[in-house]
Amino acid sequence: SGRESQDMMGWWFTTAAVVVCVQQCHSAPATPHARSTSSQNQPLVDGKCLTSLQNVCPFVFGPSCTTCAANPAVTAVCSAGNVSVYCGTDTGLVHSTSVAHLSTPRRDLSATSVGGMAVFAGGCADDGTGTAQYVCDKAVGAVDIFSAAQPFPPGVKLTRTVQLSEPRGWICAAAAGGGQNLAVLAGGGTSGTTPHSTAGDVVDLDTGEITHFPNALSVGRWGIGCTVVGESTYFTGGKVTISGYSDAYTTGVIDIFTPATKHSDATTRSGATAASVGTWAPAPYNLSVPRESTAATAVGGSLLVAGGWKKADGRYQGDNTVDLFPDPSSGAASSSFTLATDAFDVGAAVVGDTAYIVGNGALYTYSGSTAGTTTTLPQALVGASSMDGGGLIPGSHMQQNGVTVGPWVCYYGGSIDTSALPPALYCLHTVRMRWARLPCSVPHRGGAIALVGNSTVVIAGGFDPAATNAPATDVVDVFVLHV
């Protein structure tokens, strides 16, 4: 089709640019402050903009560097002197990009990675204008499954689309335990004034079959965090709506899905053979603070739940709590820590036994049940604690925002003012502690992020908060990272 031809041309152009970038990076000075031999391409320091050939390379932010790149995409931010950029040859992230498409445009969908495939589930087809972005009158039931496009060019393809048992937005998607190719999808809802769903759907990615659990959750809710830890999948917190905004409340309940030892290929939408797939049960413990919009992840066998949005004393506000459950299967005593500022929709990704949590102004690390370091983020990633602002990554309002590729942890970040700082994938090298910035083709506020295989990051759906009426997009930005 015409759109496929455009996408293919985009891939060739981007890949060619990457080759040029690598060649120029390797021929440029090895240190960010060294001067090149060309008088027209001299890196500058003390808050001035770089004008060397290095500025075509991926942006890499460093905590000790105060220069910024003279690139048209960030001219406004750069001229304000509030971006720190490092583009050294030892920290550049070589990558190629392409574009794919969801089966239907939508925002506030959820995503997970299972068996080398990316799953994008549910969402809302409504525009994202103003407060409309917080309701979902046009819920979507599509579950899109993407796999690697082989053998060439590198990228992804939409392999299969199946349907949820009921359309809903703000669903939460995670993998099942036990090494089975199952995606577990639960919660979500429609509207902003009716009770949310208790439903759970388990998708067999090998067959595309769905098993429906109508009463999977102990209470219907959306804005849930979810992750797999060991053999079970945990669904944390959420917002419970009764009849509207005023009587809604946030909950700390945690529900657990445990797959059967051996998943049966038999499936039903009525739930008659659901026991052959797995079981649901509420955990014997709750979050220390009832809240929605948490980030949940597994680290060193522990369940970590960070940040959130809570209702306290009749008022909605951010929360800075970090709960660590060292043995979530048994309900052992948890530990609680705090972020420096209230934040929700924080970034979360794990390398080895260390979780990297991106808040409004700082990067936090946690290992097992222990809090580690707190590092100030580069200025471009720092923001205020507010509903629409916050740090660049929390302010993107992307559920379960974070993936891991080798030593890199990657998150989506998109400013409300996309003309000042275009949306991008931000990746941190966890050994060198340097940030790389890889621009997206479109904004993905309220979108979703996942992995295909071990090194292909896919960011899908969402909307452009700066666009008229802010329609949802079907664009999937694909980043093949060569690490």
Protein backbone atom coordinates (compact mmCIF):
# COMPACT_ATOMS: atom_id res chain seq x y z
CA SER A 1 0.00 0.00 0.00
CA GLY A 2 0.99 3.68 -0.21
CA ARG A 3 1.42 3.86 3.56
CA GLU A 4 3.68 0.78 3.56
CA SER A 5 5.80 2.33 0.81
CA GLN A 6 6.20 5.51 2.83
CA ASP A 7 7.17 3.50 5.90
CA MET A 8 9.77 1.53 3.93
CA MET A 9 11.27 4.74 2.52
CA GLY A 10 11.40 6.09 6.07
CA TRP A 11 13.31 3.01 7.20
CA TRP A 12 15.91 3.35 4.45
CA PHE A 13 16.39 7.07 5.16
CA THR A 14 16.75 6.55 8.89
CA THR A 15 19.15 3.66 8.51
CA ALA A 16 21.34 5.67 6.13
CA ALA A 17 21.36 8.50 8.64
CA VAL A 18 22.47 6.10 11.36
CA VAL A 19 25.44 4.98 9.24
CA VAL A 20 26.45 8.60 8.69
CA CYS A 21 25.98 9.28 12.37
CA VAL A 22 28.26 6.43 13.38
CA GLN A 23 30.93 7.48 10.89
CA GLN A 24 30.83 11.09 12.04
CA CYS A 25 30.82 10.15 15.72
CA HIS A 26 33.86 7.99 15.21
CA SER A 27 35.67 10.78 13.36
CA ALA A 28 34.68 13.42 15.89
CA PRO A 29 36.64 14.23 19.07
CA ALA A 30 36.43 11.47 21.66
CA THR A 31 35.57 13.84 24.51
CA PRO A 32 32.58 16.18 24.63
CA HIS A 33 34.65 19.30 25.24
CA ALA A 34 37.54 18.65 22.83
CA ARG A 35 37.83 20.96 19.82
CA SER A 36 37.78 19.59 16.30
CA THR A 37 40.38 20.57 13.72
CA SER A 38 37.78 22.38 11.63
CA SER A 39 37.21 25.97 12.64
CA GLN A 40 33.59 25.64 11.48
CA ASN A 41 32.81 22.61 13.65
CA GLN A 42 34.00 23.42 17.14
CA PRO A 43 32.26 22.07 20.23
CA LEU A 44 31.54 24.87 22.67
CA VAL A 45 31.15 24.71 26.44
CA ASP A 46 29.74 26.80 29.30
CA GLY A 47 26.11 26.40 28.25
CA LYS A 48 26.64 27.24 24.57
CA CYS A 49 25.47 24.96 21.77
CA LEU A 50 27.64 22.36 20.07
CA THR A 51 28.15 23.01 16.36
CA SER A 52 30.35 20.03 15.57
CA LEU A 53 29.47 17.03 13.44
CA GLN A 54 28.58 15.34 16.71
CA ASN A 55 25.22 17.07 16.77
CA VAL A 56 23.80 14.59 14.20
CA CYS A 57 24.40 11.72 16.60
CA PRO A 58 21.82 10.49 19.13
CA PHE A 59 21.50 12.94 21.98
CA VAL A 60 23.22 11.60 25.05
CA PHE A 61 22.69 13.38 28.31
CA GLY A 62 25.42 13.34 30.94
CA PRO A 63 25.20 14.61 34.52
CA SER A 64 28.51 16.46 34.35
CA CYS A 65 28.18 18.07 30.92
CA THR A 66 26.54 21.48 30.52
CA THR A 67 26.65 21.86 26.75
CA CYS A 68 23.74 21.38 24.39
CA ALA A 69 23.40 20.43 20.75
CA ALA A 70 22.52 22.96 18.05
CA ASN A 71 19.93 20.75 16.44
CA PRO A 72 16.76 22.29 14.93
CA ALA A 73 14.60 19.79 16.81
CA VAL A 74 15.60 21.29 20.15
CA THR A 75 16.57 24.82 19.17
CA ALA A 76 14.09 26.44 21.56
CA VAL A 77 15.18 24.37 24.52
CA CYS A 78 18.83 24.62 23.59
CA SER A 79 18.75 28.40 23.30
CA ALA A 80 17.25 28.55 26.77
CA GLY A 81 20.40 26.81 28.00
CA ASN A 82 18.56 24.14 29.98
CA VAL A 83 19.63 20.97 28.18
CA SER A 84 22.71 18.95 29.05
CA VAL A 85 24.03 16.89 26.15
CA TYR A 86 26.92 14.49 25.75
CA CYS A 87 27.73 12.80 22.43
CA GLY A 88 30.91 10.88 23.11
CA THR A 89 31.91 7.92 20.95
CA ASP A 90 31.80 5.56 23.92
CA THR A 91 28.15 6.21 24.85
CA GLY A 92 26.33 6.62 21.54
CA LEU A 93 23.43 4.18 21.01
CA VAL A 94 23.52 2.82 17.46
CA HIS A 95 20.01 2.10 16.23
CA SER A 96 17.73 1.94 13.21
CA THR A 97 14.09 2.99 13.09
CA SER A 98 10.92 2.18 11.17
CA VAL A 99 7.19 2.68 11.58
CA ALA A 100 4.37 0.15 11.91
CA HIS A 101 0.67 0.60 12.69
CA LEU A 102 -1.89 -0.65 15.20
CA SER A 103 -5.07 -2.20 13.85
CA THR A 104 -6.96 0.88 15.06
CA PRO A 105 -5.93 4.27 16.51
CA ARG A 106 -6.20 4.51 20.28
CA ARG A 107 -4.75 5.98 23.47
CA ASP A 108 -4.54 4.71 27.05
CA LEU A 109 -3.84 1.17 25.95
CA SER A 110 -1.55 -1.26 27.73
CA ALA A 111 1.36 -3.36 26.51
CA THR A 112 3.52 -6.28 27.54
CA SER A 113 6.20 -8.53 26.05
CA VAL A 114 5.75 -12.29 25.90
CA GLY A 115 7.84 -14.89 24.08
CA GLY A 116 9.58 -12.33 21.88
CA MET A 117 6.26 -10.72 20.89
CA ALA A 118 4.70 -7.39 21.88
CA VAL A 119 1.05 -7.26 22.90
CA PHE A 120 -0.96 -3.99 22.77
CA ALA A 121 -4.35 -4.35 24.43
CA GLY A 122 -7.51 -2.25 24.69
CA GLY A 123 -7.50 1.53 24.82
CA CYS A 124 -9.70 4.50 23.98
CA ALA A 125 -10.50 5.90 20.54
CA ASP A 126 -11.63 9.25 21.99
CA ASP A 127 -9.74 12.44 21.27
CA GLY A 128 -7.37 13.58 24.03
CA THR A 129 -8.46 17.23 24.26
CA GLY A 130 -8.45 18.75 27.75
CA THR A 131 -10.20 16.72 30.42
CA ALA A 132 -11.55 14.35 27.73
CA GLN A 133 -8.23 12.52 27.97
CA TYR A 134 -9.29 11.21 31.39
CA VAL A 135 -12.48 9.49 30.18
CA CYS A 136 -13.06 6.64 27.75
CA ASP A 137 -16.42 6.77 25.99
CA LYS A 138 -15.11 4.91 22.93
CA ALA A 139 -13.36 1.89 24.39
CA VAL A 140 -11.44 -0.44 22.07
CA GLY A 141 -11.41 -4.23 22.32
CA ALA A 142 -8.51 -4.97 19.97
CA VAL A 143 -5.46 -6.89 21.16
CA ASP A 144 -2.66 -6.48 18.59
CA ILE A 145 0.25 -8.92 18.59
CA PHE A 146 3.51 -7.86 16.93
CA SER A 147 6.48 -10.08 16.10
CA ALA A 148 9.84 -9.48 14.44
CA ALA A 149 9.88 -8.82 10.70
CA GLN A 150 12.42 -11.25 9.31
CA PRO A 151 14.84 -11.42 7.72
CA PHE A 152 15.07 -7.90 6.30
CA PRO A 153 14.58 -5.06 6.92
CA PRO A 154 14.72 -5.25 10.71
CA GLY A 155 11.50 -4.12 12.32
CA VAL A 156 8.15 -5.55 13.38
CA LYS A 157 4.94 -6.77 11.79
CA LEU A 158 1.38 -7.05 13.05
CA THR A 159 0.90 -10.81 13.19
CA ARG A 160 -2.54 -11.16 14.70
CA THR A 161 -5.42 -9.15 16.18
CA VAL A 162 -7.85 -10.72 18.63
CA GLN A 163 -10.63 -9.20 20.71
CA LEU A 164 -11.02 -8.69 24.44
CA SER A 165 -14.10 -10.18 26.08
CA GLU A 166 -15.28 -6.57 26.49
CA PRO A 167 -13.76 -3.32 25.11
CA ARG A 168 -12.05 -1.20 27.76
CA GLY A 169 -9.43 1.45 28.27
CA TRP A 170 -6.74 1.68 30.97
CA ILE A 171 -6.51 -2.11 31.07
CA CYS A 172 -3.26 -3.56 32.42
CA ALA A 173 -1.25 -6.17 30.49
CA ALA A 174 1.54 -8.39 31.79
CA ALA A 175 3.13 -11.75 31.06
CA ALA A 176 2.15 -14.91 32.89
CA GLY A 177 4.66 -16.88 34.95
CA GLY A 178 5.82 -20.40 34.32
CA GLY A 179 7.50 -19.68 30.99
CA GLN A 180 4.22 -19.97 29.08
CA ASN A 181 3.38 -17.72 26.15
CA LEU A 182 0.39 -16.16 27.89
CA ALA A 183 -0.51 -12.48 28.18
CA VAL A 184 -2.68 -11.61 31.18
CA LEU A 185 -5.01 -8.62 30.75
CA ALA A 186 -7.22 -7.29 33.54
CA GLY A 187 -9.32 -4.35 34.68
CA GLY A 188 -9.98 -1.19 32.73
CA GLY A 189 -13.35 0.19 31.75
CA THR A 190 -15.39 2.68 29.79
CA SER A 191 -16.69 6.16 30.48
CA GLY A 192 -15.66 7.96 33.64
CA THR A 193 -18.96 7.65 35.47
CA THR A 194 -19.73 3.92 35.46
CA PRO A 195 -18.16 1.07 37.46
CA HIS A 196 -15.01 -0.37 35.94
CA SER A 197 -14.43 -3.95 34.91
CA THR A 198 -13.54 -6.92 37.09
CA ALA A 199 -12.79 -8.95 33.95
CA GLY A 200 -9.56 -10.73 33.16
CA ASP A 201 -8.55 -12.13 29.76
CA VAL A 202 -5.68 -14.55 29.23
CA VAL A 203 -4.38 -14.65 25.65
CA ASP A 204 -2.49 -17.68 24.35
CA LEU A 205 0.00 -16.09 21.96
CA ASP A 206 0.71 -19.41 20.26
CA THR A 207 -2.91 -19.91 19.19
CA GLY A 208 -4.49 -16.47 19.59
CA GLU A 209 -7.20 -17.98 21.79
CA ILE A 210 -8.58 -16.05 24.78
CA THR A 211 -9.88 -17.39 28.07
CA HIS A 212 -12.27 -15.02 29.83
CA PHE A 213 -12.53 -14.64 33.59
CA PRO A 214 -15.54 -12.35 34.26
CA ASN A 215 -14.73 -11.87 37.95
CA ALA A 216 -10.95 -12.02 37.91
CA LEU A 217 -10.43 -8.93 40.09
CA SER A 218 -11.78 -8.61 43.61
CA VAL A 219 -12.99 -5.12 42.72
CA GLY A 220 -13.45 -3.49 39.30
CA ARG A 221 -10.95 -0.73 38.62
CA TRP A 222 -8.67 0.96 36.10
CA GLY A 223 -5.29 2.65 36.39
CA ILE A 224 -3.77 -0.61 37.65
CA GLY A 225 -0.08 -1.48 37.79
CA CYS A 226 0.86 -5.04 36.85
CA THR A 227 3.89 -7.29 36.52
CA VAL A 228 4.95 -10.93 36.69
CA VAL A 229 7.07 -12.05 39.66
CA GLY A 230 8.11 -15.70 39.67
CA GLU A 231 5.13 -17.90 38.86
CA SER A 232 2.40 -15.30 39.36
CA THR A 233 1.19 -12.01 37.89
CA TYR A 234 0.25 -9.16 40.25
CA PHE A 235 -2.30 -6.39 39.62
CA THR A 236 -1.73 -3.50 42.02
CA GLY A 237 -4.03 -0.71 43.16
CA GLY A 238 -6.29 1.27 40.86
CA LYS A 239 -9.23 3.65 40.81
CA VAL A 240 -12.74 2.43 41.65
CA THR A 241 -15.65 4.38 40.16
CA ILE A 242 -19.14 4.12 41.57
CA SER A 243 -21.17 6.74 39.70
CA GLY A 244 -18.81 9.59 38.97
CA TYR A 245 -15.71 11.55 39.86
CA SER A 246 -16.85 12.70 43.30
CA ASP A 247 -17.58 9.27 44.81
CA ALA A 248 -14.70 7.43 43.14
CA TYR A 249 -11.83 6.26 45.30
CA THR A 250 -8.38 4.77 44.99
CA THR A 251 -7.66 1.30 46.33
CA GLY A 252 -4.59 -0.56 47.57
CA VAL A 253 -5.90 -4.03 46.79
CA ILE A 254 -3.63 -6.47 44.95
CA ASP A 255 -4.99 -9.36 42.85
CA ILE A 256 -2.92 -12.34 41.72
CA PHE A 257 -3.17 -14.58 38.64
CA THR A 258 -1.36 -17.93 38.83
CA PRO A 259 -1.29 -20.04 35.66
CA ALA A 260 -1.99 -23.76 35.68
CA THR A 261 1.10 -25.93 35.64
CA LYS A 262 0.46 -26.88 32.05
CA HIS A 263 -1.73 -24.59 29.97
CA SER A 264 -4.40 -26.37 27.95
CA ASP A 265 -5.01 -25.26 24.36
CA ALA A 266 -8.73 -25.59 25.04
CA THR A 267 -10.33 -22.21 25.56
CA THR A 268 -13.71 -20.72 26.23
CA ARG A 269 -15.22 -17.29 26.53
CA SER A 270 -17.72 -18.50 29.12
CA GLY A 271 -15.08 -19.49 31.67
CA ALA A 272 -16.13 -23.18 31.82
CA THR A 273 -12.58 -24.43 31.36
CA ALA A 274 -10.87 -21.45 32.95
CA ALA A 275 -9.31 -23.65 35.63
CA SER A 276 -7.20 -25.31 32.95
CA VAL A 277 -5.59 -21.93 32.30
CA GLY A 278 -5.12 -20.54 35.80
CA THR A 279 -6.70 -19.06 38.91
CA TRP A 280 -7.27 -15.59 40.37
CA ALA A 281 -7.23 -14.58 44.04
CA PRO A 282 -6.80 -11.40 46.08
CA ALA A 283 -3.48 -11.06 47.89
CA PRO A 284 -3.57 -11.24 51.70
CA TYR A 285 -1.93 -7.79 51.81
CA ASN A 286 -2.43 -4.37 50.22
CA LEU A 287 -0.35 -1.42 49.09
CA SER A 288 0.66 0.76 52.04
CA VAL A 289 -1.14 3.71 50.43
CA PRO A 290 -4.25 3.19 48.24
CA ARG A 291 -3.46 4.62 44.80
CA GLU A 292 -3.72 4.26 41.02
CA SER A 293 -1.26 4.93 38.18
CA THR A 294 1.51 3.03 39.91
CA ALA A 295 4.51 1.45 38.19
CA ALA A 296 4.91 -2.21 39.12
CA THR A 297 7.96 -4.31 38.35
CA ALA A 298 9.86 -7.37 39.56
CA VAL A 299 13.33 -6.89 41.02
CA GLY A 300 15.42 -9.64 42.61
CA GLY A 301 12.31 -11.75 43.29
CA SER A 302 10.55 -8.81 44.98
CA LEU A 303 7.45 -6.95 43.84
CA LEU A 304 8.14 -3.21 43.59
CA VAL A 305 5.29 -0.69 43.26
CA ALA A 306 6.36 2.94 42.84
CA GLY A 307 4.55 6.28 42.91
CA GLY A 308 0.89 6.76 42.15
CA TRP A 309 -2.16 9.03 42.16
CA LYS A 310 -4.33 8.93 45.28
CA LYS A 311 -7.50 10.39 46.72
CA ALA A 312 -6.92 11.68 50.23
CA ASP A 313 -9.30 13.86 52.26
CA GLY A 314 -11.53 14.17 49.21
CA ARG A 315 -8.72 15.55 47.05
CA TYR A 316 -6.75 13.85 44.26
CA GLN A 317 -2.98 14.22 44.40
CA GLY A 318 0.28 12.50 43.54
CA ASP A 319 2.00 10.09 45.90
CA ASN A 320 5.69 9.38 46.52
CA THR A 321 5.45 5.92 48.10
CA VAL A 322 7.53 2.98 46.95
CA ASP A 323 6.37 -0.41 48.28
CA LEU A 324 8.71 -3.42 48.14
CA PHE A 325 7.31 -6.89 48.84
CA PRO A 326 10.33 -9.23 49.20
CA ASP A 327 8.23 -12.40 48.90
CA PRO A 328 4.91 -11.49 47.29
CA SER A 329 3.79 -15.11 47.01
CA SER A 330 3.71 -15.51 50.78
CA GLY A 331 2.74 -12.00 51.78
CA ALA A 332 5.84 -11.41 53.90
CA ALA A 333 6.26 -8.03 55.52
CA SER A 334 6.92 -5.24 53.04
CA SER A 335 9.20 -2.22 53.17
CA SER A 336 8.20 1.28 52.16
CA PHE A 337 10.41 4.02 50.79
CA THR A 338 9.69 7.44 49.32
CA LEU A 339 10.54 9.34 46.18
CA ALA A 340 11.81 12.90 46.63
CA THR A 341 8.58 14.29 45.14
CA ASP A 342 5.09 13.00 44.49
CA ALA A 343 4.90 11.35 41.09
CA PHE A 344 2.62 9.03 39.15
CA ASP A 345 3.13 7.10 35.93
CA VAL A 346 6.83 6.95 36.81
CA GLY A 347 9.25 5.07 34.58
CA ALA A 348 10.37 1.62 35.74
CA ALA A 349 12.81 -0.87 34.22
CA VAL A 350 15.20 -3.49 35.59
CA VAL A 351 18.74 -4.60 34.75
CA GLY A 352 19.87 -7.67 36.68
CA ASP A 353 18.72 -7.24 40.25
CA THR A 354 18.43 -3.46 40.14
CA ALA A 355 15.31 -1.44 39.33
CA TYR A 356 15.70 2.02 37.79
CA ILE A 357 12.76 4.29 38.67
CA VAL A 358 12.44 7.64 36.88
CA GLY A 359 10.53 10.26 38.85
CA ASN A 360 9.98 13.96 38.27
CA GLY A 361 13.50 15.10 39.02
CA ALA A 362 15.56 12.09 40.01
CA LEU A 363 16.55 8.55 39.08
CA TYR A 364 16.15 6.04 41.93
CA THR A 365 17.62 2.55 42.18
CA TYR A 366 16.35 -0.39 44.24
CA SER A 367 17.85 -3.85 44.65
CA GLY A 368 15.75 -6.61 46.19
CA SER A 369 14.25 -4.98 49.29
CA THR A 370 16.92 -2.28 49.58
CA ALA A 371 16.90 1.32 48.37
CA GLY A 372 20.04 2.34 46.50
CA THR A 373 21.16 5.60 44.96
CA THR A 374 19.26 8.76 44.05
CA THR A 375 20.69 10.70 41.10
CA THR A 376 19.51 14.04 39.74
CA LEU A 377 18.16 13.74 36.21
CA PRO A 378 19.49 15.86 33.32
CA GLN A 379 17.58 19.14 33.21
CA ALA A 380 15.65 18.19 30.07
CA LEU A 381 14.05 15.30 31.97
CA VAL A 382 13.15 17.35 35.06
CA GLY A 383 9.72 18.85 35.64
CA ALA A 384 7.27 20.01 38.27
CA SER A 385 4.94 17.78 40.25
CA SER A 386 1.54 18.41 38.67
CA MET A 387 -1.12 16.53 36.74
CA ASP A 388 -0.05 17.63 33.26
CA GLY A 389 3.54 18.55 34.05
CA GLY A 390 5.69 16.35 36.21
CA GLY A 391 8.99 15.10 34.91
CA LEU A 392 9.20 14.45 31.19
CA ILE A 393 8.76 10.69 31.64
CA PRO A 394 5.98 10.64 34.30
CA GLY A 395 4.32 13.56 32.48
CA SER A 396 3.96 11.37 29.39
CA HIS A 397 1.27 9.38 31.24
CA MET A 398 2.34 6.07 29.76
CA GLN A 399 1.39 3.03 31.80
CA GLN A 400 4.23 0.64 32.71
CA ASN A 401 6.72 2.97 31.02
CA GLY A 402 10.06 1.17 30.74
CA VAL A 403 11.89 -1.66 28.93
CA THR A 404 15.37 -3.18 29.16
CA VAL A 405 17.80 -3.86 26.32
CA GLY A 406 21.14 -5.24 27.51
CA PRO A 407 22.68 -2.64 29.85
CA TRP A 408 20.19 0.03 28.69
CA VAL A 409 16.89 0.96 30.34
CA CYS A 410 14.57 2.88 28.01
CA TYR A 411 11.51 5.05 28.63
CA TYR A 412 9.22 7.21 26.52
CA GLY A 413 9.31 10.94 27.22
CA GLY A 414 7.10 13.55 25.60
CA SER A 415 6.64 17.21 26.51
CA ILE A 416 3.24 18.90 26.38
CA ASP A 417 4.91 21.46 24.12
CA THR A 418 6.11 19.11 21.40
CA SER A 419 7.41 22.04 19.33
CA ALA A 420 9.96 22.87 22.03
CA LEU A 421 11.14 19.32 22.68
CA PRO A 422 9.89 16.62 20.30
CA PRO A 423 8.93 13.24 21.82
CA ALA A 424 11.62 10.60 22.08
CA LEU A 425 12.80 7.33 23.50
CA TYR A 426 15.23 8.07 26.35
CA CYS A 427 17.70 5.30 27.16
CA LEU A 428 20.11 5.16 30.10
CA HIS A 429 23.31 3.11 29.91
CA THR A 430 23.32 1.70 33.43
CA VAL A 431 27.10 1.16 33.55
CA ARG A 432 28.26 4.47 32.08
CA MET A 433 25.22 6.32 33.48
CA ARG A 434 24.70 8.29 30.28
CA TRP A 435 21.38 9.09 28.61
CA ALA A 436 20.65 8.71 24.88
CA ARG A 437 17.75 10.47 23.16
CA LEU A 438 16.19 8.79 20.09
CA PRO A 439 13.41 10.92 18.50
CA CYS A 440 9.97 9.45 17.74
CA SER A 441 8.07 10.14 14.51
CA VAL A 442 4.93 11.26 16.38
CA PRO A 443 3.95 12.02 20.01
CA HIS A 444 2.67 9.08 22.08
CA ARG A 445 1.20 10.68 25.22
CA GLY A 446 -0.98 8.00 26.84
CA GLY A 447 0.52 5.36 24.56
CA ALA A 448 2.30 2.12 25.46
CA ILE A 449 5.81 0.65 25.23
CA ALA A 450 7.05 -2.94 24.88
CA LEU A 451 9.80 -5.12 23.43
CA VAL A 452 9.84 -7.39 20.38
CA GLY A 453 12.63 -9.92 20.80
CA ASN A 454 15.51 -8.75 22.97
CA SER A 455 16.46 -5.47 21.34
CA THR A 456 13.55 -3.92 19.45
CA VAL A 457 11.62 -1.24 21.34
CA VAL A 458 8.10 -0.46 20.11
CA ILE A 459 6.08 2.59 21.22
CA ALA A 460 2.45 2.60 20.09
CA GLY A 461 -0.71 4.67 20.13
CA GLY A 462 -1.40 7.72 22.28
CA PHE A 463 -2.02 11.26 21.08
CA ASP A 464 -0.37 14.63 20.51
CA PRO A 465 -1.38 16.99 23.35
CA ALA A 466 -0.47 19.99 21.18
CA ALA A 467 -2.66 18.97 18.23
CA THR A 468 -6.12 20.35 17.50
CA ASN A 469 -8.67 17.97 19.05
CA ALA A 470 -5.73 15.62 19.87
CA PRO A 471 -6.93 12.53 17.96
CA ALA A 472 -5.55 9.13 18.90
CA THR A 473 -2.85 7.68 16.63
CA ASP A 474 -2.23 4.20 15.24
CA VAL A 475 1.50 4.82 14.71
CA VAL A 476 4.00 2.37 16.18
CA ASP A 477 7.53 3.78 16.40
CA VAL A 478 10.08 0.98 16.12
CA PHE A 479 13.67 1.24 17.42
CA VAL A 480 16.07 -1.61 16.70
CA LEU A 481 18.91 -1.09 19.17
CA HIS A 482 22.30 -2.49 18.26
CA VAL A 483 23.86 -3.19 21.65
